[in-house]
Amino acid sequence: MRFEEFEPHYLEILDYFGFDREGDEEAARLLSELLDRDDLSLLRDRISGNVVTVCGNAEILREQLNDIEGVVIAADAAALVLYDAGILPDVIFTDLDGADDPFITMSDEGALIVVHAHGDNKPLLSRWVSRLKGPLVGTTQSRPFDGIHNFGGFTDGDRAVFAADALGAEKIIILGFDLSDTSVDPMKRGKLLWARKLLGMIGYDL
């Protein structure tokens, strides 16, 4: 999805949560400074024309591991669940709030990590980006620039689906998503609401 199409929804999200666009853009500039490579062509090669499974981090993922097909994309800490089960994700979408030391190992082993910048994760960007030696792509939720991309979406999971769609996946299987989880706090509940709404825009009714 082109940013011009996504921007009105991004502005709605900012208003809904009271987020600050300037903070998002500051984080994106920091990410741009920290990155010394842009492996978008590799990300496209891994996704384009292939069956892709996007794995969220809901508890149900552990029961769905046998349903994974094709290219494996993990949303943030879902990568830890997969790796513990002996599955190295091909791609990890993360804003780094679920990052742990195995992310470094997975990066070293070839997982492509799509690092997302937003207003309140600048300390995480500074801590983690330089430690990830494998392929990297940077994303923002504001206007893309100079190797910092925006495929659409908001949370790690729905951004992964948007990217797979934008980069030409033949088929997208979605596992480990529980957008109706009532046990989460109000902020997380709002994010799940938006994930459902955004995914519906590109034809995924979860």
C-alpha atoms as a PDB file:
ATOM      1  CA  MET A   1       0.000   0.000   0.000  1.00  0.00           C
ATOM      2  CA  ARG A   2       1.345   3.409  -0.972  1.00  0.00           C
ATOM      3  CA  PHE A   3       1.866   5.766   1.953  1.00  0.00           C
ATOM      4  CA  GLU A   4      -0.518   8.296   0.430  1.00  0.00           C
ATOM      5  CA  GLU A   5      -3.257   5.664   0.747  1.00  0.00           C
ATOM      6  CA  PHE A   6      -2.239   4.639   4.248  1.00  0.00           C
ATOM      7  CA  GLU A   7      -1.623   8.112   5.690  1.00  0.00           C
ATOM      8  CA  PRO A   8      -5.274   8.926   6.509  1.00  0.00           C
ATOM      9  CA  HIS A   9      -5.457   5.742   8.585  1.00  0.00           C
ATOM     10  CA  TYR A  10      -2.140   6.573  10.243  1.00  0.00           C
ATOM     11  CA  LEU A  11      -3.518   9.982  11.224  1.00  0.00           C
ATOM     12  CA  GLU A  12      -6.589   8.289  12.705  1.00  0.00           C
ATOM     13  CA  ILE A  13      -4.328   5.992  14.721  1.00  0.00           C
ATOM     14  CA  LEU A  14      -2.338   8.955  16.060  1.00  0.00           C
ATOM     15  CA  ASP A  15      -5.569  10.636  17.136  1.00  0.00           C
ATOM     16  CA  TYR A  16      -7.041   7.456  18.653  1.00  0.00           C
ATOM     17  CA  PHE A  17      -4.017   6.721  20.848  1.00  0.00           C
ATOM     18  CA  GLY A  18      -2.768  10.281  21.348  1.00  0.00           C
ATOM     19  CA  PHE A  19       0.542   9.423  19.714  1.00  0.00           C
ATOM     20  CA  ASP A  20       2.937  12.042  18.390  1.00  0.00           C
ATOM     21  CA  ARG A  21       3.924  12.002  14.719  1.00  0.00           C
ATOM     22  CA  GLU A  22       7.072  14.013  15.456  1.00  0.00           C
ATOM     23  CA  GLY A  23       8.199  11.295  17.858  1.00  0.00           C
ATOM     24  CA  ASP A  24       7.645   8.650  15.190  1.00  0.00           C
ATOM     25  CA  GLU A  25       9.685  10.629  12.704  1.00  0.00           C
ATOM     26  CA  GLU A  26      12.510  11.265  15.181  1.00  0.00           C
ATOM     27  CA  ALA A  27      12.710   7.517  15.806  1.00  0.00           C
ATOM     28  CA  ALA A  28      12.756   6.843  12.069  1.00  0.00           C
ATOM     29  CA  ARG A  29      15.651   9.264  11.601  1.00  0.00           C
ATOM     30  CA  LEU A  30      17.539   7.541  14.421  1.00  0.00           C
ATOM     31  CA  LEU A  31      16.938   4.159  12.805  1.00  0.00           C
ATOM     32  CA  SER A  32      18.199   5.511   9.494  1.00  0.00           C
ATOM     33  CA  GLU A  33      21.390   6.666  11.207  1.00  0.00           C
ATOM     34  CA  LEU A  34      21.886   3.309  12.931  1.00  0.00           C
ATOM     35  CA  LEU A  35      21.358   1.172   9.828  1.00  0.00           C
ATOM     36  CA  ASP A  36      24.273   0.611   7.469  1.00  0.00           C
ATOM     37  CA  ARG A  37      22.333  -1.582   5.026  1.00  0.00           C
ATOM     38  CA  ASP A  38      18.917  -1.975   3.438  1.00  0.00           C
ATOM     39  CA  ASP A  39      18.133  -5.563   2.488  1.00  0.00           C
ATOM     40  CA  LEU A  40      14.772  -4.827   0.881  1.00  0.00           C
ATOM     41  CA  SER A  41      15.703  -6.800  -2.246  1.00  0.00           C
ATOM     42  CA  LEU A  42      16.356  -9.892  -0.101  1.00  0.00           C
ATOM     43  CA  LEU A  43      13.056  -9.407   1.727  1.00  0.00           C
ATOM     44  CA  ARG A  44      11.271  -9.203  -1.618  1.00  0.00           C
ATOM     45  CA  ASP A  45      13.064 -12.322  -2.864  1.00  0.00           C
ATOM     46  CA  ARG A  46      11.969 -14.272   0.206  1.00  0.00           C
ATOM     47  CA  ILE A  47       8.318 -13.250  -0.153  1.00  0.00           C
ATOM     48  CA  SER A  48       7.492 -12.616  -3.808  1.00  0.00           C
ATOM     49  CA  GLY A  49       5.609 -15.477  -5.443  1.00  0.00           C
ATOM     50  CA  ASN A  50       5.836 -17.687  -2.359  1.00  0.00           C
ATOM     51  CA  VAL A  51       3.422 -19.094   0.192  1.00  0.00           C
ATOM     52  CA  VAL A  52       4.023 -17.163   3.404  1.00  0.00           C
ATOM     53  CA  THR A  53       2.937 -17.918   6.970  1.00  0.00           C
ATOM     54  CA  VAL A  54       2.745 -14.923   9.304  1.00  0.00           C
ATOM     55  CA  CYS A  55       2.923 -15.973  12.960  1.00  0.00           C
ATOM     56  CA  GLY A  56       1.613 -13.758  15.733  1.00  0.00           C
ATOM     57  CA  ASN A  57       2.442 -14.269  19.377  1.00  0.00           C
ATOM     58  CA  ALA A  58      -0.946 -15.339  20.764  1.00  0.00           C
ATOM     59  CA  GLU A  59      -0.935 -18.482  22.912  1.00  0.00           C
ATOM     60  CA  ILE A  60      -2.722 -20.391  20.157  1.00  0.00           C
ATOM     61  CA  LEU A  61       0.445 -20.296  18.019  1.00  0.00           C
ATOM     62  CA  ARG A  62       1.892 -23.230  19.961  1.00  0.00           C
ATOM     63  CA  GLU A  63      -1.061 -25.362  18.843  1.00  0.00           C
ATOM     64  CA  GLN A  64      -0.712 -24.295  15.201  1.00  0.00           C
ATOM     65  CA  LEU A  65       2.950 -24.994  14.490  1.00  0.00           C
ATOM     66  CA  ASN A  66       2.090 -27.957  12.260  1.00  0.00           C
ATOM     67  CA  ASP A  67       0.005 -25.639  10.067  1.00  0.00           C
ATOM     68  CA  ILE A  68       3.016 -23.518   9.043  1.00  0.00           C
ATOM     69  CA  GLU A  69       3.801 -23.567   5.334  1.00  0.00           C
ATOM     70  CA  GLY A  70       6.361 -21.899   3.112  1.00  0.00           C
ATOM     71  CA  VAL A  71       8.250 -18.786   4.148  1.00  0.00           C
ATOM     72  CA  VAL A  72       7.968 -18.196   7.906  1.00  0.00           C
ATOM     73  CA  ILE A  73       7.453 -14.637   9.126  1.00  0.00           C
ATOM     74  CA  ALA A  74       7.363 -14.015  12.865  1.00  0.00           C
ATOM     75  CA  ALA A  75       5.859 -11.000  14.570  1.00  0.00           C
ATOM     76  CA  ASP A  76       8.212  -9.900  17.352  1.00  0.00           C
ATOM     77  CA  ALA A  77       8.320 -12.397  20.256  1.00  0.00           C
ATOM     78  CA  ALA A  78       6.594 -15.079  18.167  1.00  0.00           C
ATOM     79  CA  ALA A  79      10.119 -15.585  16.826  1.00  0.00           C
ATOM     80  CA  LEU A  80      11.147 -16.902  20.259  1.00  0.00           C
ATOM     81  CA  VAL A  81       8.286 -19.426  20.274  1.00  0.00           C
ATOM     82  CA  LEU A  82       9.236 -20.629  16.797  1.00  0.00           C
ATOM     83  CA  TYR A  83      12.943 -20.832  17.584  1.00  0.00           C
ATOM     84  CA  ASP A  84      12.273 -22.791  20.771  1.00  0.00           C
ATOM     85  CA  ALA A  85      10.314 -25.226  18.589  1.00  0.00           C
ATOM     86  CA  GLY A  86      13.260 -25.635  16.224  1.00  0.00           C
ATOM     87  CA  ILE A  87      11.959 -23.264  13.540  1.00  0.00           C
ATOM     88  CA  LEU A  88      14.221 -20.432  12.367  1.00  0.00           C
ATOM     89  CA  PRO A  89      11.988 -17.659  10.987  1.00  0.00           C
ATOM     90  CA  ASP A  90      12.915 -16.430   7.536  1.00  0.00           C
ATOM     91  CA  VAL A  91      11.791 -12.920   8.525  1.00  0.00           C
ATOM     92  CA  ILE A  92      11.055 -11.229  11.848  1.00  0.00           C
ATOM     93  CA  PHE A  93       8.999  -8.031  12.070  1.00  0.00           C
ATOM     94  CA  THR A  94       9.728  -6.268  15.346  1.00  0.00           C
ATOM     95  CA  ASP A  95       9.653  -2.949  17.131  1.00  0.00           C
ATOM     96  CA  LEU A  96      12.098  -4.681  19.518  1.00  0.00           C
ATOM     97  CA  ASP A  97       9.885  -4.608  22.610  1.00  0.00           C
ATOM     98  CA  GLY A  98       9.850  -8.423  22.526  1.00  0.00           C
ATOM     99  CA  ALA A  99      13.518  -8.757  21.575  1.00  0.00           C
ATOM    100  CA  ASP A 100      15.799 -11.029  23.575  1.00  0.00           C
ATOM    101  CA  ASP A 101      19.275 -12.482  23.078  1.00  0.00           C
ATOM    102  CA  PRO A 102      18.040 -15.238  20.708  1.00  0.00           C
ATOM    103  CA  PHE A 103      17.247 -12.464  18.226  1.00  0.00           C
ATOM    104  CA  ILE A 104      21.008 -11.991  17.851  1.00  0.00           C
ATOM    105  CA  THR A 105      21.470 -15.712  17.225  1.00  0.00           C
ATOM    106  CA  MET A 106      18.606 -15.815  14.722  1.00  0.00           C
ATOM    107  CA  SER A 107      20.070 -12.802  12.929  1.00  0.00           C
ATOM    108  CA  ASP A 108      23.474 -14.499  12.783  1.00  0.00           C
ATOM    109  CA  GLU A 109      21.782 -17.600  11.337  1.00  0.00           C
ATOM    110  CA  GLY A 110      20.199 -15.606   8.507  1.00  0.00           C
ATOM    111  CA  ALA A 111      16.810 -14.437   9.733  1.00  0.00           C
ATOM    112  CA  LEU A 112      16.028 -11.110   8.059  1.00  0.00           C
ATOM    113  CA  ILE A 113      14.896  -8.682  10.739  1.00  0.00           C
ATOM    114  CA  VAL A 114      12.552  -5.847   9.801  1.00  0.00           C
ATOM    115  CA  VAL A 115      13.116  -3.261  12.532  1.00  0.00           C
ATOM    116  CA  HIS A 116      10.315  -0.784  13.123  1.00  0.00           C
ATOM    117  CA  ALA A 117      10.788   2.731  14.527  1.00  0.00           C
ATOM    118  CA  HIS A 118       8.087   4.521  16.496  1.00  0.00           C
ATOM    119  CA  GLY A 119       7.957   7.304  19.027  1.00  0.00           C
ATOM    120  CA  ASP A 120       8.731   5.378  22.197  1.00  0.00           C
ATOM    121  CA  ASN A 121      11.283   2.789  21.100  1.00  0.00           C
ATOM    122  CA  LYS A 122      14.356   4.944  20.499  1.00  0.00           C
ATOM    123  CA  PRO A 123      16.262   3.391  23.453  1.00  0.00           C
ATOM    124  CA  LEU A 124      15.530  -0.087  22.061  1.00  0.00           C
ATOM    125  CA  LEU A 125      16.772   0.938  18.620  1.00  0.00           C
ATOM    126  CA  SER A 126      20.002   2.214  20.139  1.00  0.00           C
ATOM    127  CA  ARG A 127      20.449  -0.965  22.168  1.00  0.00           C
ATOM    128  CA  TRP A 128      19.669  -3.596  19.533  1.00  0.00           C
ATOM    129  CA  VAL A 129      20.290  -2.483  15.951  1.00  0.00           C
ATOM    130  CA  SER A 130      24.094  -2.539  16.114  1.00  0.00           C
ATOM    131  CA  ARG A 131      23.964  -6.058  17.617  1.00  0.00           C
ATOM    132  CA  LEU A 132      22.022  -7.533  14.698  1.00  0.00           C
ATOM    133  CA  LYS A 133      24.619  -8.599  12.124  1.00  0.00           C
ATOM    134  CA  GLY A 134      22.358 -10.392   9.651  1.00  0.00           C
ATOM    135  CA  PRO A 135      20.103  -8.858   6.988  1.00  0.00           C
ATOM    136  CA  LEU A 136      18.073  -5.831   8.073  1.00  0.00           C
ATOM    137  CA  VAL A 137      15.288  -3.627   6.758  1.00  0.00           C
ATOM    138  CA  GLY A 138      14.022  -0.503   8.524  1.00  0.00           C
ATOM    139  CA  THR A 139      10.408   0.652   8.678  1.00  0.00           C
ATOM    140  CA  THR A 140       8.428   3.614   9.953  1.00  0.00           C
ATOM    141  CA  GLN A 141       4.732   4.235  10.521  1.00  0.00           C
ATOM    142  CA  SER A 142       5.105   7.744   9.119  1.00  0.00           C
ATOM    143  CA  ARG A 143       6.327   8.869   5.687  1.00  0.00           C
ATOM    144  CA  PRO A 144       9.065   6.587   4.290  1.00  0.00           C
ATOM    145  CA  PHE A 145      12.441   8.034   3.247  1.00  0.00           C
ATOM    146  CA  ASP A 146      16.023   7.048   2.346  1.00  0.00           C
ATOM    147  CA  GLY A 147      15.781   3.290   2.856  1.00  0.00           C
ATOM    148  CA  ILE A 148      13.219   3.478   5.675  1.00  0.00           C
ATOM    149  CA  HIS A 149      10.044   1.818   4.373  1.00  0.00           C
ATOM    150  CA  ASN A 150       6.337   1.800   5.156  1.00  0.00           C
ATOM    151  CA  PHE A 151       4.289  -1.122   3.805  1.00  0.00           C
ATOM    152  CA  GLY A 152       1.224  -0.220   5.874  1.00  0.00           C
ATOM    153  CA  GLY A 153      -0.133  -1.734   9.062  1.00  0.00           C
ATOM    154  CA  PHE A 154       0.380  -0.782  12.686  1.00  0.00           C
ATOM    155  CA  THR A 155       1.284  -3.651  15.035  1.00  0.00           C
ATOM    156  CA  ASP A 156       4.109  -6.077  14.294  1.00  0.00           C
ATOM    157  CA  GLY A 157       1.681  -8.746  13.140  1.00  0.00           C
ATOM    158  CA  ASP A 158      -0.475  -6.742  10.786  1.00  0.00           C
ATOM    159  CA  ARG A 159       2.578  -4.902   9.416  1.00  0.00           C
ATOM    160  CA  ALA A 160       4.016  -8.291   8.495  1.00  0.00           C
ATOM    161  CA  VAL A 161       0.817  -9.183   6.633  1.00  0.00           C
ATOM    162  CA  PHE A 162       0.777  -5.824   4.849  1.00  0.00           C
ATOM    163  CA  ALA A 163       4.411  -6.302   3.792  1.00  0.00           C
ATOM    164  CA  ALA A 164       3.795  -9.836   2.540  1.00  0.00           C
ATOM    165  CA  ASP A 165       0.845  -8.551   0.541  1.00  0.00           C
ATOM    166  CA  ALA A 166       2.772  -5.558  -0.828  1.00  0.00           C
ATOM    167  CA  LEU A 167       5.776  -7.664  -1.808  1.00  0.00           C
ATOM    168  CA  GLY A 168       3.753 -10.168  -3.818  1.00  0.00           C
ATOM    169  CA  ALA A 169       3.247 -13.265  -1.684  1.00  0.00           C
ATOM    170  CA  GLU A 170       1.331 -15.928  -3.593  1.00  0.00           C
ATOM    171  CA  LYS A 171      -0.662 -16.852  -0.473  1.00  0.00           C
ATOM    172  CA  ILE A 172      -0.616 -15.598   3.113  1.00  0.00           C
ATOM    173  CA  ILE A 173      -1.478 -17.932   6.000  1.00  0.00           C
ATOM    174  CA  ILE A 174      -2.072 -16.169   9.318  1.00  0.00           C
ATOM    175  CA  LEU A 175      -1.466 -18.079  12.566  1.00  0.00           C
ATOM    176  CA  GLY A 176      -1.083 -17.050  16.193  1.00  0.00           C
ATOM    177  CA  PHE A 177      -3.425 -14.061  15.974  1.00  0.00           C
ATOM    178  CA  ASP A 178      -6.110 -13.560  18.646  1.00  0.00           C
ATOM    179  CA  LEU A 179      -7.654 -10.196  17.861  1.00  0.00           C
ATOM    180  CA  SER A 180     -10.581 -10.886  20.221  1.00  0.00           C
ATOM    181  CA  ASP A 181      -8.447 -11.372  23.339  1.00  0.00           C
ATOM    182  CA  THR A 182     -10.320  -9.673  26.200  1.00  0.00           C
ATOM    183  CA  SER A 183      -7.634 -10.358  28.818  1.00  0.00           C
ATOM    184  CA  VAL A 184      -5.284  -7.637  27.587  1.00  0.00           C
ATOM    185  CA  ASP A 185      -4.976  -4.086  28.883  1.00  0.00           C
ATOM    186  CA  PRO A 186      -6.884  -1.215  27.213  1.00  0.00           C
ATOM    187  CA  MET A 187      -3.892  -0.092  25.123  1.00  0.00           C
ATOM    188  CA  LYS A 188      -3.373  -3.587  23.747  1.00  0.00           C
ATOM    189  CA  ARG A 189      -7.109  -3.971  23.168  1.00  0.00           C
ATOM    190  CA  GLY A 190      -7.040  -0.820  21.072  1.00  0.00           C
ATOM    191  CA  LYS A 191      -4.105  -2.132  19.060  1.00  0.00           C
ATOM    192  CA  LEU A 192      -5.948  -5.387  18.378  1.00  0.00           C
ATOM    193  CA  LEU A 193      -9.001  -3.423  17.272  1.00  0.00           C
ATOM    194  CA  TRP A 194      -6.869  -1.475  14.809  1.00  0.00           C
ATOM    195  CA  ALA A 195      -5.112  -4.616  13.610  1.00  0.00           C
ATOM    196  CA  ARG A 196      -8.495  -6.142  12.769  1.00  0.00           C
ATOM    197  CA  LYS A 197      -9.634  -2.986  11.004  1.00  0.00           C
ATOM    198  CA  LEU A 198      -6.449  -2.611   8.950  1.00  0.00           C
ATOM    199  CA  LEU A 199      -6.258  -6.258   7.961  1.00  0.00           C
ATOM    200  CA  GLY A 200      -9.854  -6.024   6.788  1.00  0.00           C
ATOM    201  CA  MET A 201      -8.795  -3.287   4.379  1.00  0.00           C
ATOM    202  CA  ILE A 202      -6.653  -5.779   2.472  1.00  0.00           C
ATOM    203  CA  GLY A 203      -9.084  -8.655   2.624  1.00  0.00           C
ATOM    204  CA  TYR A 204      -8.217 -10.526   5.825  1.00  0.00           C
ATOM    205  CA  ASP A 205     -11.188 -10.994   8.174  1.00  0.00           C
ATOM    206  CA  LEU A 206      -9.828 -12.318  11.469  1.00  0.00           C
END
